[in-house]
Every structure is written in structure tokens, then in C-alpha cells.
PDB file of N, CA and C in Angstrom:
ATOM      1  N   UNK A   1     101.951  32.055  98.511  1.00  0.00           N
ATOM      2  CA  UNK A   1     101.409  30.762  98.143  1.00  0.00           C
ATOM      3  C   UNK A   1     100.011  30.970  97.569  1.00  0.00           C
ATOM      4  N   UNK A   2      99.759  30.406  96.429  1.00  0.00           N
ATOM      5  CA  UNK A   2      98.436  30.464  95.827  1.00  0.00           C
ATOM      6  C   UNK A   2      97.658  29.226  96.225  1.00  0.00           C
ATOM      7  N   UNK A   3      96.387  29.420  96.485  1.00  0.00           N
ATOM      8  CA  UNK A   3      95.496  28.310  96.784  1.00  0.00           C
ATOM      9  C   UNK A   3      94.732  27.959  95.523  1.00  0.00           C
ATOM     10  N   UNK A   4      94.325  26.716  95.336  1.00  0.00           N
ATOM     11  CA  UNK A   4      93.605  26.342  94.111  1.00  0.00           C
ATOM     12  C   UNK A   4      92.246  27.019  94.024  1.00  0.00           C
ATOM     13  N   UNK A   5      91.826  27.264  92.796  1.00  0.00           N
ATOM     14  CA  UNK A   5      90.514  27.859  92.555  1.00  0.00           C
ATOM     15  C   UNK A   5      89.417  26.835  92.826  1.00  0.00           C
ATOM     16  N   UNK A   6      88.275  27.354  93.300  1.00  0.00           N
ATOM     17  CA  UNK A   6      87.117  26.477  93.521  1.00  0.00           C
ATOM     18  C   UNK A   6      86.354  26.232  92.232  1.00  0.00           C
ATOM     19  N   UNK A   7      86.244  27.267  91.402  1.00  0.00           N
ATOM     20  CA  UNK A   7      85.558  27.124  90.118  1.00  0.00           C
ATOM     21  C   UNK A   7      86.259  28.008  89.097  1.00  0.00           C
ATOM     22  N   UNK A   8      85.879  27.889  87.852  1.00  0.00           N
ATOM     23  CA  UNK A   8      86.514  28.648  86.796  1.00  0.00           C
ATOM     24  C   UNK A   8      86.295  30.146  86.884  1.00  0.00           C
ATOM     25  N   UNK A   9      85.221  30.604  87.551  1.00  0.00           N
ATOM     26  CA  UNK A   9      84.902  32.027  87.607  1.00  0.00           C
ATOM     27  C   UNK A   9      85.433  32.712  88.858  1.00  0.00           C
ATOM     28  N   UNK A  10      85.844  31.962  89.871  1.00  0.00           N
ATOM     29  CA  UNK A  10      86.267  32.593  91.121  1.00  0.00           C
ATOM     30  C   UNK A  10      87.715  33.077  91.022  1.00  0.00           C
ATOM     31  N   UNK A  11      88.048  34.150  91.745  1.00  0.00           N
ATOM     32  CA  UNK A  11      89.426  34.656  91.707  1.00  0.00           C
ATOM     33  C   UNK A  11      90.374  33.738  92.462  1.00  0.00           C
ATOM     34  N   UNK A  12      91.646  33.872  92.184  1.00  0.00           N
ATOM     35  CA  UNK A  12      92.660  33.093  92.880  1.00  0.00           C
ATOM     36  C   UNK A  12      92.768  33.599  94.313  1.00  0.00           C
ATOM     37  N   UNK A  13      92.885  32.689  95.256  1.00  0.00           N
ATOM     38  CA  UNK A  13      93.020  33.055  96.658  1.00  0.00           C
ATOM     39  C   UNK A  13      94.480  32.927  97.066  1.00  0.00           C
ATOM     40  N   UNK A  14      94.897  33.788  97.986  1.00  0.00           N
ATOM     41  CA  UNK A  14      96.278  33.826  98.450  1.00  0.00           C
ATOM     42  C   UNK A  14      96.305  33.700  99.964  1.00  0.00           C
ATOM     43  N   UNK A  15      97.286  32.982 100.479  1.00  0.00           N
ATOM     44  CA  UNK A  15      97.475  32.828 101.916  1.00  0.00           C
ATOM     45  C   UNK A  15      98.552  33.805 102.359  1.00  0.00           C
ATOM     46  N   UNK A  16      98.213  34.701 103.301  1.00  0.00           N
ATOM     47  CA  UNK A  16      99.166  35.677 103.819  1.00  0.00           C
ATOM     48  C   UNK A  16     100.182  34.955 104.698  1.00  0.00           C
ATOM     49  N   UNK A  17     101.458  35.177 104.410  1.00  0.00           N
ATOM     50  CA  UNK A  17     102.522  34.542 105.193  1.00  0.00           C
ATOM     51  C   UNK A  17     102.692  35.191 106.560  1.00  0.00           C
ATOM     52  N   UNK A  18     102.198  36.403 106.722  1.00  0.00           N
ATOM     53  CA  UNK A  18     102.354  37.108 107.997  1.00  0.00           C
ATOM     54  C   UNK A  18     101.267  36.759 109.008  1.00  0.00           C
ATOM     55  N   UNK A  19     100.018  36.696 108.554  1.00  0.00           N
ATOM     56  CA  UNK A  19      98.927  36.482 109.506  1.00  0.00           C
ATOM     57  C   UNK A  19      98.119  35.218 109.246  1.00  0.00           C
ATOM     58  N   UNK A  20      98.360  34.549 108.119  1.00  0.00           N
ATOM     59  CA  UNK A  20      97.650  33.317 107.818  1.00  0.00           C
ATOM     60  C   UNK A  20      96.269  33.503 107.230  1.00  0.00           C
ATOM     61  N   UNK A  21      95.859  34.738 106.977  1.00  0.00           N
ATOM     62  CA  UNK A  21      94.544  35.015 106.414  1.00  0.00           C
ATOM     63  C   UNK A  21      94.531  34.686 104.918  1.00  0.00           C
ATOM     64  N   UNK A  22      93.433  34.135 104.434  1.00  0.00           N
ATOM     65  CA  UNK A  22      93.240  33.859 103.012  1.00  0.00           C
ATOM     66  C   UNK A  22      92.554  35.076 102.398  1.00  0.00           C
ATOM     67  N   UNK A  23      93.185  35.667 101.386  1.00  0.00           N
ATOM     68  CA  UNK A  23      92.674  36.890 100.776  1.00  0.00           C
ATOM     69  C   UNK A  23      92.580  36.740  99.270  1.00  0.00           C
ATOM     70  N   UNK A  24      91.732  37.546  98.661  1.00  0.00           N
ATOM     71  CA  UNK A  24      91.591  37.534  97.205  1.00  0.00           C
ATOM     72  C   UNK A  24      92.604  38.465  96.551  1.00  0.00           C
ATOM     73  N   UNK A  25      92.866  39.601  97.171  1.00  0.00           N
ATOM     74  CA  UNK A  25      93.785  40.563  96.588  1.00  0.00           C
ATOM     75  C   UNK A  25      94.968  40.746  97.533  1.00  0.00           C
ATOM     76  N   UNK A  26      96.082  40.124  97.217  1.00  0.00           N
ATOM     77  CA  UNK A  26      97.231  40.162  98.121  1.00  0.00           C
ATOM     78  C   UNK A  26      97.859  41.554  98.200  1.00  0.00           C
ATOM     79  N   UNK A  27      97.728  42.368  97.158  1.00  0.00           N
ATOM     80  CA  UNK A  27      98.315  43.709  97.180  1.00  0.00           C
ATOM     81  C   UNK A  27      97.545  44.622  98.117  1.00  0.00           C
ATOM     82  N   UNK A  28      96.214  44.544  98.115  1.00  0.00           N
ATOM     83  CA  UNK A  28      95.432  45.341  99.060  1.00  0.00           C
ATOM     84  C   UNK A  28      95.692  44.877 100.486  1.00  0.00           C
ATOM     85  N   UNK A  29      95.792  43.568 100.692  1.00  0.00           N
ATOM     86  CA  UNK A  29      96.057  43.042 102.025  1.00  0.00           C
ATOM     87  C   UNK A  29      97.459  43.425 102.493  1.00  0.00           C
ATOM     88  N   UNK A  30      98.412  43.499 101.594  1.00  0.00           N
ATOM     89  CA  UNK A  30      99.772  43.923 101.927  1.00  0.00           C
ATOM     90  C   UNK A  30      99.755  45.310 102.565  1.00  0.00           C
ATOM     91  N   UNK A  31      98.891  46.180 102.054  1.00  0.00           N
ATOM     92  CA  UNK A  31      98.777  47.540 102.593  1.00  0.00           C
ATOM     93  C   UNK A  31      98.255  47.527 104.034  1.00  0.00           C
ATOM     94  N   UNK A  32      97.532  46.491 104.419  1.00  0.00           N
ATOM     95  CA  UNK A  32      97.066  46.358 105.799  1.00  0.00           C
ATOM     96  C   UNK A  32      98.260  46.201 106.738  1.00  0.00           C
ATOM     97  N   UNK A  33      99.243  45.433 106.335  1.00  0.00           N
ATOM     98  CA  UNK A  33     100.427  45.200 107.153  1.00  0.00           C
ATOM     99  C   UNK A  33     101.460  46.322 106.998  1.00  0.00           C
ATOM    100  N   UNK A  34     101.474  46.987 105.858  1.00  0.00           N
ATOM    101  CA  UNK A  34     102.453  48.038 105.553  1.00  0.00           C
ATOM    102  C   UNK A  34     101.740  49.280 105.023  1.00  0.00           C
ATOM    103  N   UNK A  35     101.065  50.019 105.894  1.00  0.00           N
ATOM    104  CA  UNK A  35     100.294  51.175 105.417  1.00  0.00           C
ATOM    105  C   UNK A  35     101.189  52.270 104.845  1.00  0.00           C
ATOM    106  N   UNK A  36     100.645  52.976 103.895  1.00  0.00           N
ATOM    107  CA  UNK A  36     101.334  54.089 103.252  1.00  0.00           C
ATOM    108  C   UNK A  36     100.412  55.301 103.376  1.00  0.00           C
ATOM    109  N   UNK A  37     100.965  56.456 103.715  1.00  0.00           N
ATOM    110  CA  UNK A  37     100.139  57.637 103.936  1.00  0.00           C
ATOM    111  C   UNK A  37     100.540  58.754 102.986  1.00  0.00           C
ATOM    112  N   UNK A  38      99.542  59.556 102.598  1.00  0.00           N
ATOM    113  CA  UNK A  38      99.736  60.683 101.702  1.00  0.00           C
ATOM    114  C   UNK A  38      99.192  61.926 102.396  1.00  0.00           C
ATOM    115  N   UNK A  39     100.036  62.943 102.542  1.00  0.00           N
ATOM    116  CA  UNK A  39      99.678  64.135 103.298  1.00  0.00           C
ATOM    117  C   UNK A  39      99.417  65.304 102.361  1.00  0.00           C
ATOM    118  N   UNK A  40      98.334  66.031 102.646  1.00  0.00           N
ATOM    119  CA  UNK A  40      98.020  67.248 101.903  1.00  0.00           C
ATOM    120  C   UNK A  40      98.983  68.336 102.364  1.00  0.00           C
ATOM    121  N   UNK A  41      99.660  68.965 101.418  1.00  0.00           N
ATOM    122  CA  UNK A  41     100.629  70.007 101.763  1.00  0.00           C
ATOM    123  C   UNK A  41      99.961  71.335 102.118  1.00  0.00           C
ATOM    124  N   UNK A  42      98.671  71.461 101.814  1.00  0.00           N
ATOM    125  CA  UNK A  42      97.973  72.713 102.104  1.00  0.00           C
ATOM    126  C   UNK A  42      97.324  72.721 103.484  1.00  0.00           C
ATOM    127  N   UNK A  43      96.680  71.626 103.873  1.00  0.00           N
ATOM    128  CA  UNK A  43      95.976  71.616 105.166  1.00  0.00           C
ATOM    129  C   UNK A  43      96.443  70.483 106.079  1.00  0.00           C
ATOM    130  N   UNK A  44      97.409  69.695 105.625  1.00  0.00           N
ATOM    131  CA  UNK A  44      98.059  68.644 106.413  1.00  0.00           C
ATOM    132  C   UNK A  44      97.141  67.496 106.819  1.00  0.00           C
ATOM    133  N   UNK A  45      96.036  67.279 106.096  1.00  0.00           N
ATOM    134  CA  UNK A  45      95.230  66.080 106.348  1.00  0.00           C
ATOM    135  C   UNK A  45      95.987  64.880 105.800  1.00  0.00           C
ATOM    136  N   UNK A  46      95.732  63.731 106.376  1.00  0.00           N
ATOM    137  CA  UNK A  46      96.432  62.513 105.978  1.00  0.00           C
ATOM    138  C   UNK A  46      95.439  61.549 105.336  1.00  0.00           C
ATOM    139  N   UNK A  47      95.832  60.982 104.203  1.00  0.00           N
ATOM    140  CA  UNK A  47      94.991  60.052 103.459  1.00  0.00           C
ATOM    141  C   UNK A  47      95.761  58.759 103.252  1.00  0.00           C
ATOM    142  N   UNK A  48      95.067  57.645 103.303  1.00  0.00           N
ATOM    143  CA  UNK A  48      95.749  56.360 103.158  1.00  0.00           C
ATOM    144  C   UNK A  48      95.821  55.873 101.715  1.00  0.00           C
ATOM    145  N   UNK A  49      95.199  56.605 100.799  1.00  0.00           N
ATOM    146  CA  UNK A  49      95.282  56.249  99.384  1.00  0.00           C
ATOM    147  C   UNK A  49      95.538  57.496  98.549  1.00  0.00           C
ATOM    148  N   UNK A  50      96.336  57.337  97.506  1.00  0.00           N
ATOM    149  CA  UNK A  50      96.674  58.474  96.651  1.00  0.00           C
ATOM    150  C   UNK A  50      95.442  59.037  95.952  1.00  0.00           C
ATOM    151  N   UNK A  51      94.510  58.164  95.554  1.00  0.00           N
ATOM    152  CA  UNK A  51      93.307  58.653  94.883  1.00  0.00           C
ATOM    153  C   UNK A  51      92.418  59.447  95.839  1.00  0.00           C
ATOM    154  N   UNK A  52      92.443  59.125  97.135  1.00  0.00           N
ATOM    155  CA  UNK A  52      91.688  59.908  98.113  1.00  0.00           C
ATOM    156  C   UNK A  52      92.313  61.297  98.272  1.00  0.00           C
ATOM    157  N   UNK A  53      93.637  61.376  98.278  1.00  0.00           N
ATOM    158  CA  UNK A  53      94.308  62.677  98.336  1.00  0.00           C
ATOM    159  C   UNK A  53      93.979  63.495  97.095  1.00  0.00           C
ATOM    160  N   UNK A  54      93.971  62.856  95.937  1.00  0.00           N
ATOM    161  CA  UNK A  54      93.659  63.556  94.690  1.00  0.00           C
ATOM    162  C   UNK A  54      92.238  64.119  94.723  1.00  0.00           C
ATOM    163  N   UNK A  55      91.280  63.321  95.210  1.00  0.00           N
ATOM    164  CA  UNK A  55      89.900  63.796  95.330  1.00  0.00           C
ATOM    165  C   UNK A  55      89.804  64.932  96.348  1.00  0.00           C
ATOM    166  N   UNK A  56      90.528  64.821  97.453  1.00  0.00           N
ATOM    167  CA  UNK A  56      90.559  65.866  98.475  1.00  0.00           C
ATOM    168  C   UNK A  56      91.070  67.173  97.875  1.00  0.00           C
ATOM    169  N   UNK A  57      92.166  67.101  97.115  1.00  0.00           N
ATOM    170  CA  UNK A  57      92.747  68.292  96.499  1.00  0.00           C
ATOM    171  C   UNK A  57      91.757  68.950  95.536  1.00  0.00           C
ATOM    172  N   UNK A  58      91.022  68.125  94.815  1.00  0.00           N
ATOM    173  CA  UNK A  58      90.068  68.649  93.838  1.00  0.00           C
ATOM    174  C   UNK A  58      88.883  69.330  94.512  1.00  0.00           C
ATOM    175  N   UNK A  59      88.301  68.686  95.534  1.00  0.00           N
ATOM    176  CA  UNK A  59      87.077  69.202  96.126  1.00  0.00           C
ATOM    177  C   UNK A  59      87.309  70.218  97.239  1.00  0.00           C
ATOM    178  N   UNK A  60      88.347  70.066  98.014  1.00  0.00           N
ATOM    179  CA  UNK A  60      88.591  70.987  99.128  1.00  0.00           C
ATOM    180  C   UNK A  60      89.422  72.197  98.730  1.00  0.00           C
ATOM    181  N   UNK A  61      90.357  72.011  97.795  1.00  0.00           N
ATOM    182  CA  UNK A  61      91.269  73.089  97.431  1.00  0.00           C
ATOM    183  C   UNK A  61      91.121  73.526  95.979  1.00  0.00           C
ATOM    184  N   UNK A  62      90.200  72.917  95.228  1.00  0.00           N
ATOM    185  CA  UNK A  62      89.925  73.254  93.834  1.00  0.00           C
ATOM    186  C   UNK A  62      91.176  73.142  92.961  1.00  0.00           C
ATOM    187  N   UNK A  63      91.963  72.084  93.196  1.00  0.00           N
ATOM    188  CA  UNK A  63      93.162  71.820  92.412  1.00  0.00           C
ATOM    189  C   UNK A  63      92.961  70.484  91.702  1.00  0.00           C
ATOM    190  N   UNK A  64      92.969  70.503  90.361  1.00  0.00           N
ATOM    191  CA  UNK A  64      92.695  69.281  89.594  1.00  0.00           C
ATOM    192  C   UNK A  64      93.892  68.353  89.483  1.00  0.00           C
ATOM    193  N   UNK A  65      95.085  68.886  89.404  1.00  0.00           N
ATOM    194  CA  UNK A  65      96.254  68.028  89.274  1.00  0.00           C
ATOM    195  C   UNK A  65      97.304  68.459  90.292  1.00  0.00           C
ATOM    196  N   UNK A  66      98.099  67.493  90.702  1.00  0.00           N
ATOM    197  CA  UNK A  66      99.166  67.768  91.653  1.00  0.00           C
ATOM    198  C   UNK A  66     100.314  66.843  91.388  1.00  0.00           C
ATOM    199  N   UNK A  67     101.463  67.141  91.916  1.00  0.00           N
ATOM    200  CA  UNK A  67     102.660  66.340  91.702  1.00  0.00           C
ATOM    201  C   UNK A  67     102.480  64.971  92.328  1.00  0.00           C
ATOM    202  N   UNK A  68     102.850  63.904  91.607  1.00  0.00           N
ATOM    203  CA  UNK A  68     102.700  62.548  92.140  1.00  0.00           C
ATOM    204  C   UNK A  68     103.674  62.273  93.273  1.00  0.00           C
ATOM    205  N   UNK A  69     104.718  63.064  93.413  1.00  0.00           N
ATOM    206  CA  UNK A  69     105.693  62.864  94.488  1.00  0.00           C
ATOM    207  C   UNK A  69     105.298  63.612  95.759  1.00  0.00           C
ATOM    208  N   UNK A  70     104.219  64.356  95.701  1.00  0.00           N
ATOM    209  CA  UNK A  70     103.807  65.188  96.817  1.00  0.00           C
ATOM    210  C   UNK A  70     103.305  64.390  98.011  1.00  0.00           C
ATOM    211  N   UNK A  71     103.724  64.776  99.173  1.00  0.00           N
ATOM    212  CA  UNK A  71     103.097  64.343 100.416  1.00  0.00           C
ATOM    213  C   UNK A  71     103.238  62.905 100.801  1.00  0.00           C
ATOM    214  N   UNK A  72     104.113  62.163 100.212  1.00  0.00           N
ATOM    215  CA  UNK A  72     104.221  60.749 100.576  1.00  0.00           C
ATOM    216  C   UNK A  72     105.169  60.603 101.747  1.00  0.00           C
ATOM    217  N   UNK A  73     104.683  60.077 102.863  1.00  0.00           N
ATOM    218  CA  UNK A  73     105.505  59.862 104.057  1.00  0.00           C
ATOM    219  C   UNK A  73     105.620  58.405 104.373  1.00  0.00           C
TER     220      UNK A  73
END
């Protein structure tokens, strides 16, 4: 359910059907209820965002690119 905008510049607000919270970004809030984890195959650290895993691979293991299907549990 979308809530009406307060002004022309403000983002659209959404009401979460699960918890009743009003949020600006329903996709980010969806991840709160349904977390997704990405695991490093080299050291087994767990990251909650793919971009965090990518940064980890670059800085900790000196690997610039990796398979997008890697480590998703």
C-alpha cells in the first residue's frame, strides 16, 4: 500500500504489511524481514550485502572480480 506524498519533493512512503512500519524504501525494508547472506569461499566470513562481499574480496584477498553466483546461501 502506498501512502500519499506530503509534498512534491518527498519520496513515496510505503506501509509494511508484516509489521505496520512506514518506510521510504520497501525493498531495503523487505531485506529486514527476509535477510540474504553472502559467504566468502576463501575465509568463510558472512556478509549481508553482495557489494560488501565484493569489497571484502578486493581488500582482504586482492581479487577484483568474482562469480555473481558465489557464496549465496
